[in-house]
Amino acid sequence: MEKQTLKQRITSHILGLAGILTFLPLGGLGWAFSSCSDLMDTDSELVENLEDNRLQEPTDSVYSVMGIIYKLQAIADRTVLLGELRSDLTTTTASASKDLKAITNFTVDTENAYNRISDYYAVINNCNYYLKNVNKDLVKNDRKVFEAEYAVVKAFRAWTYLQVAQVYGNVPLVTEPLLTEGDAQNAMNQGFVGINEICNYFIDDIKPYVDTKLPVYGQINEQNSQKFFIPVRALLGDLCLWAGRYTEAAQYYHDYLSLRTAPLPTGRSSATWADINTKEFRSTRSSLSYGSQSSECLCYIPMESNGFYGIKSELTNIFNSTSINQQFAQATPTKRMRELSAASDYCGTYTKADGSQDTIYAPKENLDNSEYAGDLRFGTSFSNRVSNKERYARTSNEIQSIDKLNRNGVTLYRINMVYLRYAEALNRAGFPQAAFAILKYGLYADIISKQIDDYERATGGGMISFDGDNFTVENTQGIHSRGSGRAECDTLYQIPMPATQLASRADTVAYQIPLVEDMIVNEMALEGAFEGYRFYDLMRVALRRNDASYLADPVSRRNGTVDDALRSRLLEPKNWYLPLQ
């Protein structure tokens, strides 16, 4: 067989498996729809007759949106695995598959099951087809019939392009449906673009839909279908954050979180020591929740409960001991994850004999469970116990459980992770006090007036203001308090200050920004571990600072000592991306 060029191989993958499946259902989620189109074949000169497939009826549009969600299922697990297994927080076990081990070792090749750029372009091509053919200007009863779905599909496409750029680096930017081999070749001849170009393009593309209401399909298989759709404001925040447009990113995040009609305070959920008053530090409790039914979960890709109907997530069988994997989990926390968690100080309050309150720091040694040292988010979400089985039993005697997986799908947006990105954007926009307040106190009127100085409040204006009725001490807390006790009382947890007064306020802010950013990135690790964010958080900051070691150092130290070969490899940013097929 004649050897294909890289461009030919990518063209073949984009066209060959990115077929137009506009009407495919998600059978297991309860839709009684039927498939109306065939997979595209690269040898077909014309596989769709556009005139026969105009989307004119509301049911057509619903079928199409659900068909795109069906295609998103193919990349759902990957968003977690590629972001988590390549980070410093998680590694593979001896029981992991060859393909998973290759992800962890940065040795993914073009045959790896998780390296299929065509799956991303399947989503993109379906989105392009929908956007090209839907009658978006159709009006009935003084309402644009397809307005909500049109915005949803625009967001799906933008989000997918952000993912493909994070995974592959430079990629083709294709915004027209590819229906023939000639279409694909023409698209490829336009060249490849990087993440900055992609972000800037899609910021402009989805900005007009920031106020468009999501579709209302009701409960589907006892799931709130509105959580299947990506929030445009939050996505705009992400795109601006990656593009270095920090003030815009902060404003989009703020406006999404503080929307008067649907405010999103942090909540007061946390993992705590249950016996802090007795100072025993033996038992913990957690009110943290990560499932699709939780108010924390803002958006997720719904997955099938049965593989017969479509794609069932494998994350539970990768991260947990189950009967399917004979109790052999394939991914597990690293030593560095434990070190990051233990490095935090748990500061609690207790009632003294005279009835007054005082602070106390939890010990880090001589605990019944060493994983409770420091921040409790790790220890209360992860467990590993040894069962009394025969040494040579066919099933593992180590039972691992990570209680952070969404059983109904793969979570894309969660409230407190959005707050941390908001903090990252604020900090880089020149507002380190407000950014740090998100970590330590949460943002509400009293904190904003007390913890943020006049200059930053005046300059930040509406970007750091929160309605006093919707955001209060009763429903808001610092993100650090979710696992490290009463962060607002912790005198060890402070915004970095120079040892001596600097010449100007600007100098002080410049000193603080990278240090506060480090604190935010650490908090992202504590809050988002096992959810697939970590590698990309490190990547984003490393690119921003033009410092590959920001990613290379922690990842190469994941097992406690530096892997010099891995560090050397990761000091070359080209090795952060998967090879194109």
Protein backbone atom coordinates (compact mmCIF):
# COMPACT_ATOMS: atom_id res chain seq x y z
CA MET A 1 0.00 0.00 0.00
CA GLU A 2 1.29 3.45 -0.90
CA LYS A 3 2.39 5.42 2.13
CA GLN A 4 0.10 8.34 2.86
CA THR A 5 1.27 11.81 3.81
CA LEU A 6 0.29 13.20 7.21
CA LYS A 7 -2.21 15.50 5.48
CA GLN A 8 -3.74 12.56 3.61
CA ARG A 9 -4.02 10.49 6.77
CA ILE A 10 -5.68 13.29 8.71
CA THR A 11 -8.02 14.03 5.80
CA SER A 12 -9.02 10.39 5.66
CA HIS A 13 -9.72 10.26 9.39
CA ILE A 14 -11.65 13.51 9.49
CA LEU A 15 -13.85 12.53 6.56
CA GLY A 16 -14.00 8.80 6.99
CA LEU A 17 -15.27 8.64 10.55
CA ALA A 18 -16.80 12.07 10.97
CA GLY A 19 -19.96 11.02 9.21
CA ILE A 20 -23.20 12.96 9.31
CA LEU A 21 -25.30 11.25 11.95
CA THR A 22 -27.69 14.11 12.38
CA PHE A 23 -30.64 12.03 13.49
CA LEU A 24 -29.02 9.35 15.63
CA PRO A 25 -30.70 8.81 19.03
CA LEU A 26 -29.35 7.92 22.42
CA GLY A 27 -31.47 4.80 22.82
CA GLY A 28 -30.72 4.07 26.45
CA LEU A 29 -31.62 7.57 27.57
CA GLY A 30 -35.21 7.14 26.57
CA TRP A 31 -35.58 8.74 23.12
CA ALA A 32 -37.73 6.69 20.76
CA PHE A 33 -36.21 8.27 17.67
CA SER A 34 -34.92 6.45 14.61
CA SER A 35 -31.72 6.79 12.62
CA CYS A 36 -32.23 8.46 9.24
CA SER A 37 -28.75 8.60 7.73
CA ASP A 38 -25.76 6.42 7.00
CA LEU A 39 -22.12 6.71 7.96
CA MET A 40 -20.05 8.62 5.44
CA ASP A 41 -17.61 6.62 3.36
CA THR A 42 -14.40 8.20 2.11
CA ASP A 43 -14.89 6.62 -1.30
CA SER A 44 -18.31 8.20 -1.75
CA GLU A 45 -18.23 11.23 -3.99
CA LEU A 46 -21.46 12.64 -2.54
CA VAL A 47 -23.11 11.07 0.47
CA GLU A 48 -25.80 13.59 1.32
CA ASN A 49 -28.37 15.38 -0.78
CA LEU A 50 -28.62 18.69 1.01
CA GLU A 51 -31.95 19.61 -0.53
CA ASP A 52 -33.52 16.50 0.98
CA ASN A 53 -32.10 17.12 4.42
CA ARG A 54 -33.04 20.67 5.29
CA LEU A 55 -33.91 20.96 8.97
CA GLN A 56 -37.32 22.60 8.82
CA GLU A 57 -39.34 21.03 11.63
CA PRO A 58 -38.77 21.34 15.39
CA THR A 59 -38.54 17.56 15.67
CA ASP A 60 -35.72 17.58 13.09
CA SER A 61 -33.77 19.97 15.28
CA VAL A 62 -34.31 17.93 18.44
CA TYR A 63 -33.17 14.76 16.67
CA SER A 64 -30.10 16.58 15.41
CA VAL A 65 -29.06 17.94 18.81
CA MET A 66 -29.44 14.50 20.36
CA GLY A 67 -27.42 13.01 17.52
CA ILE A 68 -24.58 15.40 18.33
CA ILE A 69 -24.75 14.43 22.00
CA TYR A 70 -24.49 10.82 20.85
CA LYS A 71 -21.27 11.71 19.04
CA LEU A 72 -19.97 13.55 22.12
CA GLN A 73 -20.18 10.26 24.04
CA ALA A 74 -17.23 8.97 22.01
CA ILE A 75 -14.88 11.63 23.41
CA ALA A 76 -16.38 11.94 26.91
CA ASP A 77 -14.15 9.49 28.79
CA ARG A 78 -11.15 10.82 26.90
CA THR A 79 -11.65 14.33 28.28
CA VAL A 80 -10.98 12.88 31.74
CA LEU A 81 -8.34 10.28 30.91
CA LEU A 82 -6.08 12.48 28.78
CA GLY A 83 -6.30 15.31 31.30
CA GLU A 84 -5.80 13.12 34.35
CA LEU A 85 -3.45 10.28 33.46
CA ARG A 86 -0.88 12.65 31.98
CA SER A 87 -0.89 14.84 35.09
CA ASP A 88 1.03 14.63 38.33
CA LEU A 89 -1.98 13.49 40.37
CA THR A 90 -2.85 10.11 38.85
CA THR A 91 -0.93 7.20 37.41
CA THR A 92 -1.74 3.77 36.05
CA THR A 93 -1.49 0.51 37.94
CA ALA A 94 0.10 -2.74 36.80
CA SER A 95 -3.40 -3.87 35.81
CA ALA A 96 -3.96 -1.02 33.38
CA SER A 97 -4.32 -1.64 29.68
CA LYS A 98 -1.40 -1.00 27.37
CA ASP A 99 -3.16 2.04 25.91
CA LEU A 100 -3.77 3.61 29.33
CA LYS A 101 -0.16 3.02 30.37
CA ALA A 102 0.97 4.72 27.18
CA ILE A 103 -1.04 7.81 28.11
CA THR A 104 0.67 7.99 31.50
CA ASN A 105 4.11 7.40 29.99
CA PHE A 106 3.62 9.90 27.12
CA THR A 107 4.20 7.13 24.59
CA VAL A 108 0.82 7.25 22.83
CA ASP A 109 1.12 6.20 19.19
CA THR A 110 -1.27 6.42 16.28
CA GLU A 111 -2.74 3.00 17.08
CA ASN A 112 -3.75 3.90 20.64
CA ALA A 113 -7.48 3.49 21.24
CA TYR A 114 -7.64 6.90 22.90
CA ASN A 115 -5.94 8.66 20.00
CA ARG A 116 -8.73 9.15 17.47
CA ILE A 117 -8.90 12.72 16.20
CA SER A 118 -11.72 11.55 13.94
CA ASP A 119 -14.02 11.23 16.94
CA TYR A 120 -13.64 14.94 17.63
CA TYR A 121 -14.24 15.84 14.02
CA ALA A 122 -17.31 13.60 14.00
CA VAL A 123 -18.82 16.01 16.51
CA ILE A 124 -17.56 19.03 14.59
CA ASN A 125 -18.82 17.78 11.23
CA ASN A 126 -22.26 17.08 12.66
CA CYS A 127 -22.33 20.56 14.18
CA ASN A 128 -21.24 22.10 10.88
CA TYR A 129 -23.93 20.17 9.04
CA TYR A 130 -26.62 21.30 11.46
CA LEU A 131 -25.55 24.95 11.39
CA LYS A 132 -25.44 24.92 7.61
CA ASN A 133 -28.84 23.34 7.08
CA VAL A 134 -31.11 24.39 9.90
CA ASN A 135 -33.62 27.07 9.02
CA LYS A 136 -32.46 29.30 11.86
CA ASP A 137 -34.64 32.23 10.82
CA LEU A 138 -37.89 30.27 10.87
CA VAL A 139 -40.43 32.13 13.03
CA LYS A 140 -43.62 30.69 14.48
CA ASN A 141 -45.84 32.44 17.03
CA ASP A 142 -43.40 35.36 17.11
CA ARG A 143 -40.57 33.06 18.17
CA LYS A 144 -37.51 31.82 16.35
CA VAL A 145 -38.14 28.10 16.39
CA PHE A 146 -34.52 26.92 16.28
CA GLU A 147 -32.80 29.71 18.20
CA ALA A 148 -32.09 27.68 21.35
CA GLU A 149 -30.80 24.62 19.49
CA TYR A 150 -28.70 26.78 17.18
CA ALA A 151 -26.92 28.29 20.20
CA VAL A 152 -26.46 24.85 21.76
CA VAL A 153 -24.81 23.46 18.63
CA LYS A 154 -22.57 26.52 18.32
CA ALA A 155 -21.40 25.87 21.89
CA PHE A 156 -20.88 22.14 21.27
CA ARG A 157 -18.66 22.97 18.29
CA ALA A 158 -16.63 25.60 20.14
CA TRP A 159 -16.13 23.34 23.17
CA THR A 160 -15.04 20.42 20.96
CA TYR A 161 -12.53 22.59 19.12
CA LEU A 162 -11.08 23.72 22.45
CA GLN A 163 -10.64 20.07 23.45
CA VAL A 164 -9.04 19.03 20.16
CA ALA A 165 -6.60 21.94 20.34
CA GLN A 166 -5.63 21.02 23.90
CA VAL A 167 -5.04 17.41 22.89
CA TYR A 168 -3.39 17.85 19.48
CA GLY A 169 -2.00 21.39 19.38
CA ASN A 170 -2.31 22.66 15.81
CA VAL A 171 -5.39 21.33 14.02
CA PRO A 172 -7.53 22.08 10.96
CA LEU A 173 -10.22 24.71 11.53
CA VAL A 174 -13.19 23.45 9.54
CA THR A 175 -16.49 25.32 9.80
CA GLU A 176 -18.32 23.91 6.77
CA PRO A 177 -19.72 20.36 6.58
CA LEU A 178 -17.41 17.96 4.78
CA LEU A 179 -19.53 15.83 2.48
CA THR A 180 -17.05 14.71 -0.15
CA GLU A 181 -13.41 13.79 -0.39
CA GLY A 182 -12.92 17.02 -2.30
CA ASP A 183 -14.45 19.01 0.57
CA ALA A 184 -12.02 17.44 3.01
CA GLN A 185 -9.01 18.07 0.79
CA ASN A 186 -9.96 21.72 0.36
CA ALA A 187 -10.38 22.13 4.10
CA MET A 188 -6.98 20.60 4.77
CA ASN A 189 -5.32 22.94 2.28
CA GLN A 190 -6.31 25.88 4.48
CA GLY A 191 -3.62 24.88 6.94
CA PHE A 192 -3.61 24.23 10.68
CA VAL A 193 -4.22 26.69 13.51
CA GLY A 194 -3.26 26.72 17.18
CA ILE A 195 -5.26 27.18 20.33
CA ASN A 196 -5.07 30.99 20.31
CA GLU A 197 -6.54 31.23 16.83
CA ILE A 198 -9.23 28.70 17.68
CA CYS A 199 -10.20 30.51 20.87
CA ASN A 200 -10.34 33.91 19.23
CA TYR A 201 -12.42 32.56 16.35
CA PHE A 202 -14.99 30.90 18.59
CA ILE A 203 -15.22 33.79 21.04
CA ASP A 204 -16.62 35.84 18.17
CA ASP A 205 -18.66 32.90 16.92
CA ILE A 206 -20.63 32.20 20.12
CA LYS A 207 -20.66 35.66 21.68
CA PRO A 208 -24.01 36.60 20.03
CA TYR A 209 -25.68 33.70 21.86
CA VAL A 210 -24.62 34.57 25.39
CA ASP A 211 -28.18 35.42 26.41
CA THR A 212 -29.96 32.71 24.42
CA LYS A 213 -31.98 30.43 26.67
CA LEU A 214 -31.26 26.72 26.63
CA PRO A 215 -33.80 24.28 25.17
CA VAL A 216 -36.33 22.80 27.57
CA TYR A 217 -36.77 19.09 26.92
CA GLY A 218 -37.66 18.21 30.51
CA GLN A 219 -36.60 15.06 32.36
CA ILE A 220 -35.11 12.35 30.18
CA ASN A 221 -34.63 9.02 31.87
CA GLU A 222 -34.91 10.85 35.20
CA GLN A 223 -32.14 13.27 34.19
CA ASN A 224 -32.41 17.03 33.80
CA SER A 225 -31.78 17.48 30.09
CA GLN A 226 -30.83 21.14 30.53
CA LYS A 227 -27.57 19.92 32.05
CA PHE A 228 -26.72 18.29 28.72
CA PHE A 229 -26.03 21.72 27.22
CA ILE A 230 -22.84 23.76 27.63
CA PRO A 231 -23.35 27.18 29.27
CA VAL A 232 -22.21 29.77 26.73
CA ARG A 233 -20.95 32.35 29.27
CA ALA A 234 -18.79 29.79 31.07
CA LEU A 235 -17.42 28.54 27.76
CA LEU A 236 -16.62 32.10 26.70
CA GLY A 237 -14.72 32.45 29.97
CA ASP A 238 -12.67 29.35 29.11
CA LEU A 239 -11.95 30.51 25.57
CA CYS A 240 -10.85 33.94 26.79
CA LEU A 241 -8.73 32.39 29.55
CA TRP A 242 -6.81 30.25 27.06
CA ALA A 243 -6.51 33.18 24.65
CA GLY A 244 -5.00 35.43 27.33
CA ARG A 245 -7.97 37.80 27.32
CA TYR A 246 -8.15 37.81 31.10
CA THR A 247 -10.41 40.78 31.79
CA GLU A 248 -12.99 39.41 29.37
CA ALA A 249 -12.66 35.93 30.87
CA ALA A 250 -13.20 37.26 34.39
CA GLN A 251 -16.25 39.23 33.27
CA TYR A 252 -17.83 36.22 31.54
CA TYR A 253 -17.24 33.98 34.54
CA HIS A 254 -18.58 36.63 36.89
CA ASP A 255 -21.69 37.24 34.81
CA TYR A 256 -22.38 33.52 34.56
CA LEU A 257 -22.00 32.93 38.30
CA SER A 258 -23.88 36.04 39.39
CA LEU A 259 -26.77 36.02 36.91
CA ARG A 260 -29.67 37.42 38.92
CA THR A 261 -32.21 34.98 37.50
CA ALA A 262 -29.98 31.95 38.23
CA PRO A 263 -27.26 32.84 40.77
CA LEU A 264 -24.58 30.25 41.51
CA PRO A 265 -23.00 30.76 44.95
CA THR A 266 -20.28 28.36 46.02
CA GLY A 267 -22.47 26.66 48.62
CA ARG A 268 -21.21 25.55 52.03
CA SER A 269 -20.50 21.88 51.34
CA SER A 270 -17.23 20.59 52.74
CA ALA A 271 -15.25 17.67 54.09
CA THR A 272 -14.59 18.16 57.81
CA TRP A 273 -13.36 16.52 60.98
CA ALA A 274 -16.51 15.36 62.77
CA ASP A 275 -14.89 15.27 66.21
CA ILE A 276 -12.96 18.52 66.23
CA ASN A 277 -14.52 19.65 69.52
CA THR A 278 -13.08 16.62 71.27
CA LYS A 279 -9.75 17.10 69.46
CA GLU A 280 -9.63 13.39 68.72
CA PHE A 281 -9.31 13.63 64.92
CA ARG A 282 -10.53 10.11 64.30
CA SER A 283 -13.64 10.54 62.15
CA THR A 284 -14.53 12.70 59.18
CA ARG A 285 -17.69 13.57 57.33
CA SER A 286 -18.31 15.03 53.91
CA SER A 287 -21.25 16.82 52.31
CA LEU A 288 -19.44 17.14 48.98
CA SER A 289 -21.35 15.78 46.01
CA TYR A 290 -20.25 15.40 42.40
CA GLY A 291 -23.08 13.54 40.64
CA SER A 292 -25.36 14.81 37.91
CA GLN A 293 -28.19 15.38 40.35
CA SER A 294 -26.02 17.60 42.54
CA SER A 295 -26.41 21.38 42.31
CA GLU A 296 -22.61 21.39 41.88
CA CYS A 297 -22.88 19.80 38.44
CA LEU A 298 -23.66 22.39 35.77
CA CYS A 299 -23.18 20.43 32.57
CA TYR A 300 -22.30 16.87 31.62
CA ILE A 301 -22.27 14.49 28.68
CA PRO A 302 -24.92 11.86 29.43
CA MET A 303 -23.69 8.31 28.92
CA GLU A 304 -25.62 5.10 28.46
CA SER A 305 -26.40 2.83 31.37
CA ASN A 306 -26.14 -0.13 29.00
CA GLY A 307 -23.68 -0.50 26.15
CA PHE A 308 -26.45 -1.98 24.02
CA TYR A 309 -27.88 1.50 23.49
CA GLY A 310 -24.67 3.37 22.81
CA ILE A 311 -21.48 4.25 24.64
CA LYS A 312 -21.22 3.43 28.32
CA SER A 313 -18.53 5.22 30.32
CA GLU A 314 -15.59 3.09 31.41
CA LEU A 315 -14.34 5.56 34.00
CA THR A 316 -15.76 3.63 36.95
CA ASN A 317 -13.98 0.47 35.82
CA ILE A 318 -10.75 2.38 35.32
CA PHE A 319 -10.66 4.30 38.60
CA ASN A 320 -12.49 1.88 40.90
CA SER A 321 -12.42 -1.77 41.88
CA THR A 322 -15.47 -3.43 40.35
CA SER A 323 -16.71 -6.91 39.59
CA ILE A 324 -16.10 -6.21 35.90
CA ASN A 325 -12.37 -5.57 36.40
CA GLN A 326 -12.11 -8.26 39.08
CA GLN A 327 -11.37 -5.53 41.63
CA PHE A 328 -8.21 -4.45 39.77
CA ALA A 329 -8.41 -0.66 39.36
CA GLN A 330 -6.34 0.66 36.47
CA ALA A 331 -5.62 4.19 37.71
CA THR A 332 -4.63 5.36 41.16
CA PRO A 333 -3.48 8.52 42.97
CA THR A 334 0.21 9.34 42.92
CA LYS A 335 2.55 10.12 45.76
CA ARG A 336 2.51 13.74 44.60
CA MET A 337 -1.28 13.85 45.00
CA ARG A 338 -0.83 12.76 48.59
CA GLU A 339 1.94 15.31 49.13
CA LEU A 340 -0.14 18.19 47.75
CA SER A 341 -3.04 17.24 49.98
CA ALA A 342 -0.87 16.83 53.08
CA ALA A 343 0.86 20.17 52.43
CA SER A 344 -2.40 21.98 53.25
CA ASP A 345 -3.19 22.93 56.80
CA TYR A 346 -6.61 22.03 58.19
CA CYS A 347 -7.73 24.90 60.42
CA GLY A 348 -10.90 24.29 62.38
CA THR A 349 -12.78 26.02 65.14
CA TYR A 350 -13.92 24.47 68.39
CA THR A 351 -15.88 25.54 71.43
CA LYS A 352 -13.85 26.11 74.60
CA ALA A 353 -15.09 25.34 78.09
CA ASP A 354 -16.22 28.93 78.60
CA GLY A 355 -18.31 28.80 75.43
CA SER A 356 -15.99 30.93 73.32
CA GLN A 357 -14.59 29.85 69.96
CA ASP A 358 -10.96 29.22 69.18
CA THR A 359 -8.99 27.82 66.26
CA ILE A 360 -7.11 24.58 66.10
CA TYR A 361 -4.96 22.93 63.43
CA ALA A 362 -5.45 19.25 62.73
CA PRO A 363 -2.39 17.03 63.19
CA LYS A 364 -0.74 15.44 60.18
CA GLU A 365 0.78 12.44 61.87
CA ASN A 366 -0.48 9.49 63.93
CA LEU A 367 -3.85 9.59 62.19
CA ASP A 368 -5.94 6.45 61.70
CA ASN A 369 -5.87 7.22 57.98
CA SER A 370 -2.73 8.92 56.66
CA GLU A 371 -4.71 10.26 53.70
CA TYR A 372 -6.61 12.54 56.09
CA ALA A 373 -3.47 14.60 56.64
CA GLY A 374 -3.98 18.18 55.49
CA ASP A 375 -6.86 18.80 53.11
CA LEU A 376 -9.75 16.36 53.51
CA ARG A 377 -11.09 16.40 49.96
CA PHE A 378 -8.66 13.68 48.94
CA GLY A 379 -9.04 11.40 51.95
CA THR A 380 -12.84 11.55 51.97
CA SER A 381 -13.20 10.86 48.24
CA PHE A 382 -10.58 8.12 47.97
CA SER A 383 -10.31 4.86 49.84
CA ASN A 384 -8.14 1.79 49.49
CA ARG A 385 -8.62 -1.17 51.74
CA VAL A 386 -7.17 -4.66 51.77
CA SER A 387 -9.62 -7.52 52.01
CA ASN A 388 -8.82 -10.91 53.52
CA LYS A 389 -8.56 -12.92 50.34
CA GLU A 390 -6.29 -15.73 49.44
CA ARG A 391 -2.94 -14.53 48.18
CA TYR A 392 -3.40 -16.09 44.75
CA ALA A 393 -7.08 -15.32 44.28
CA ARG A 394 -8.19 -14.29 40.81
CA THR A 395 -9.55 -11.00 42.12
CA SER A 396 -7.54 -8.26 43.76
CA ASN A 397 -7.43 -8.05 47.53
CA GLU A 398 -6.99 -4.26 47.28
CA ILE A 399 -10.32 -2.51 46.92
CA GLN A 400 -10.06 1.04 45.58
CA SER A 401 -12.89 3.55 45.43
CA ILE A 402 -12.84 7.13 44.14
CA ASP A 403 -16.12 8.83 44.93
CA LYS A 404 -15.89 11.67 42.41
CA LEU A 405 -17.33 10.09 39.29
CA ASN A 406 -20.64 11.17 37.79
CA ARG A 407 -22.57 7.91 37.47
CA ASN A 408 -24.82 9.29 34.72
CA GLY A 409 -22.15 10.78 32.50
CA VAL A 410 -18.98 12.83 32.31
CA THR A 411 -19.09 16.23 34.00
CA LEU A 412 -17.81 19.18 31.97
CA TYR A 413 -18.63 22.13 34.26
CA ARG A 414 -18.89 22.24 38.04
CA ILE A 415 -19.58 25.35 40.12
CA ASN A 416 -16.44 25.47 42.23
CA MET A 417 -14.15 24.71 39.32
CA VAL A 418 -15.71 27.65 37.46
CA TYR A 419 -14.96 29.82 40.51
CA LEU A 420 -11.33 28.75 40.39
CA ARG A 421 -11.04 29.67 36.71
CA TYR A 422 -12.70 32.96 37.57
CA ALA A 423 -10.01 33.46 40.22
CA GLU A 424 -7.30 32.62 37.69
CA ALA A 425 -8.67 35.17 35.23
CA LEU A 426 -9.10 37.87 37.90
CA ASN A 427 -5.57 37.39 39.11
CA ARG A 428 -4.06 37.68 35.65
CA ALA A 429 -6.28 40.68 34.91
CA GLY A 430 -4.54 42.48 37.81
CA PHE A 431 -6.90 41.72 40.72
CA PRO A 432 -4.95 39.36 43.01
CA GLN A 433 -6.85 40.42 46.15
CA ALA A 434 -10.20 39.45 44.63
CA ALA A 435 -8.70 36.24 43.26
CA PHE A 436 -7.30 35.30 46.68
CA ALA A 437 -10.62 36.16 48.33
CA ILE A 438 -12.26 33.46 46.21
CA LEU A 439 -9.85 30.97 47.76
CA LYS A 440 -10.07 32.12 51.36
CA TYR A 441 -13.45 33.77 51.90
CA GLY A 442 -15.72 33.60 48.88
CA LEU A 443 -17.02 36.77 47.28
CA TYR A 444 -20.01 38.50 48.83
CA ALA A 445 -20.66 42.11 49.80
CA ASP A 446 -19.13 42.10 53.28
CA ILE A 447 -15.94 40.33 52.18
CA ILE A 448 -15.56 42.50 49.09
CA SER A 449 -15.69 45.66 51.20
CA LYS A 450 -13.33 44.33 53.90
CA GLN A 451 -10.77 42.23 52.04
CA ILE A 452 -10.37 44.07 48.71
CA ASP A 453 -8.89 47.56 48.76
CA ASP A 454 -10.54 50.67 47.35
CA TYR A 455 -8.41 50.74 44.22
CA GLU A 456 -9.13 47.14 43.24
CA ARG A 457 -12.85 47.52 44.00
CA ALA A 458 -13.09 50.69 41.93
CA THR A 459 -11.09 49.28 39.04
CA GLY A 460 -12.85 45.92 39.08
CA GLY A 461 -16.31 47.45 39.29
CA GLY A 462 -18.98 45.06 38.09
CA MET A 463 -16.43 42.33 37.54
CA ILE A 464 -16.17 41.71 41.29
CA SER A 465 -19.57 42.81 42.59
CA PHE A 466 -22.15 40.31 43.83
CA ASP A 467 -25.77 40.91 44.74
CA GLY A 468 -26.23 41.04 48.50
CA ASP A 469 -29.49 39.07 48.41
CA ASN A 470 -28.14 36.15 46.40
CA PHE A 471 -24.60 35.92 47.79
CA THR A 472 -24.22 35.83 51.57
CA VAL A 473 -22.11 34.24 54.28
CA GLU A 474 -24.81 31.58 54.54
CA ASN A 475 -24.31 30.31 50.99
CA THR A 476 -20.74 31.36 50.16
CA GLN A 477 -17.32 30.21 51.32
CA GLY A 478 -13.74 30.18 50.18
CA ILE A 479 -12.97 27.21 47.94
CA HIS A 480 -10.13 26.23 50.28
CA SER A 481 -12.69 25.69 53.03
CA ARG A 482 -14.18 22.78 51.10
CA GLY A 483 -11.36 20.60 52.41
CA SER A 484 -9.14 22.63 54.73
CA GLY A 485 -11.56 23.71 57.43
CA ARG A 486 -12.29 27.35 58.22
CA ALA A 487 -9.94 28.98 55.72
CA GLU A 488 -11.14 32.43 56.75
CA CYS A 489 -9.73 31.75 60.23
CA ASP A 490 -6.44 30.28 59.03
CA THR A 491 -3.63 32.75 59.81
CA LEU A 492 -1.19 30.58 57.84
CA TYR A 493 -3.18 30.95 54.64
CA GLN A 494 -2.49 34.49 53.48
CA ILE A 495 -2.07 36.42 50.26
CA PRO A 496 1.67 36.64 49.46
CA MET A 497 3.30 39.94 50.40
CA PRO A 498 6.86 41.12 49.67
CA ALA A 499 9.23 41.14 52.63
CA THR A 500 9.72 44.89 52.23
CA GLN A 501 7.46 47.53 50.75
CA LEU A 502 7.95 47.90 47.02
CA ALA A 503 8.18 51.16 45.13
CA SER A 504 4.61 51.14 43.81
CA ARG A 505 1.31 49.36 44.00
CA ALA A 506 1.94 48.05 40.48
CA ASP A 507 5.18 46.44 41.67
CA THR A 508 3.34 44.74 44.53
CA VAL A 509 0.64 43.43 42.20
CA ALA A 510 3.29 42.16 39.78
CA TYR A 511 4.98 40.36 42.70
CA GLN A 512 1.70 38.81 43.85
CA ILE A 513 0.24 37.61 40.55
CA PRO A 514 2.51 34.56 39.92
CA LEU A 515 2.40 33.56 43.59
CA VAL A 516 -1.39 33.80 43.82
CA GLU A 517 -1.56 31.90 40.55
CA ASP A 518 0.47 29.10 42.13
CA MET A 519 -2.02 28.98 45.00
CA ILE A 520 -4.93 28.83 42.55
CA VAL A 521 -3.31 26.02 40.58
CA ASN A 522 -2.73 24.05 43.79
CA GLU A 523 -6.35 24.63 44.77
CA MET A 524 -7.45 23.39 41.36
CA ALA A 525 -5.55 20.18 42.07
CA LEU A 526 -7.18 19.71 45.48
CA GLU A 527 -10.65 20.51 44.16
CA GLY A 528 -10.52 18.91 40.71
CA ALA A 529 -8.41 15.78 41.22
CA PHE A 530 -9.56 12.74 39.17
CA GLU A 531 -11.85 14.91 37.02
CA GLY A 532 -9.52 15.46 34.07
CA TYR A 533 -8.55 19.13 34.48
CA ARG A 534 -5.05 18.95 35.91
CA PHE A 535 -2.82 18.42 32.86
CA TYR A 536 -4.51 21.25 30.99
CA ASP A 537 -4.32 23.59 33.99
CA LEU A 538 -0.56 23.01 34.13
CA MET A 539 -0.32 23.39 30.35
CA ARG A 540 -2.21 26.68 30.31
CA VAL A 541 0.02 28.28 32.95
CA ALA A 542 3.21 26.86 31.41
CA LEU A 543 2.27 28.37 28.05
CA ARG A 544 1.36 31.67 29.69
CA ARG A 545 4.69 31.88 31.47
CA ASN A 546 6.63 30.47 28.54
CA ASP A 547 8.09 28.02 31.03
CA ALA A 548 7.80 24.34 30.12
CA SER A 549 9.19 23.33 33.51
CA TYR A 550 5.95 24.47 35.14
CA LEU A 551 4.40 21.35 33.64
CA ALA A 552 7.46 19.14 33.31
CA ASP A 553 8.61 19.38 36.94
CA PRO A 554 5.44 18.27 38.77
CA VAL A 555 4.55 15.57 36.23
CA SER A 556 8.06 14.09 36.29
CA ARG A 557 7.91 14.03 40.13
CA ARG A 558 4.55 12.29 40.30
CA ASN A 559 6.01 9.20 41.96
CA GLY A 560 8.08 11.04 44.55
CA THR A 561 11.40 11.29 42.71
CA VAL A 562 12.26 13.01 39.46
CA ASP A 563 12.00 10.89 36.33
CA ASP A 564 14.79 12.62 34.40
CA ALA A 565 13.89 11.06 31.06
CA LEU A 566 10.26 12.10 31.37
CA ARG A 567 11.21 15.59 32.51
CA SER A 568 13.52 16.02 29.53
CA ARG A 569 10.77 14.88 27.21
CA LEU A 570 8.21 17.26 28.70
CA LEU A 571 10.53 20.24 28.50
CA GLU A 572 9.72 20.09 24.77
CA PRO A 573 6.12 21.40 24.48
CA LYS A 574 5.60 19.46 21.25
CA ASN A 575 5.57 16.31 23.39
CA TRP A 576 2.51 17.54 25.33
CA TYR A 577 0.29 16.67 22.38
CA LEU A 578 -0.85 13.39 20.92
CA PRO A 579 0.49 12.41 17.52
CA LEU A 580 -1.94 12.86 14.65
CA GLN A 581 -2.95 9.67 12.88
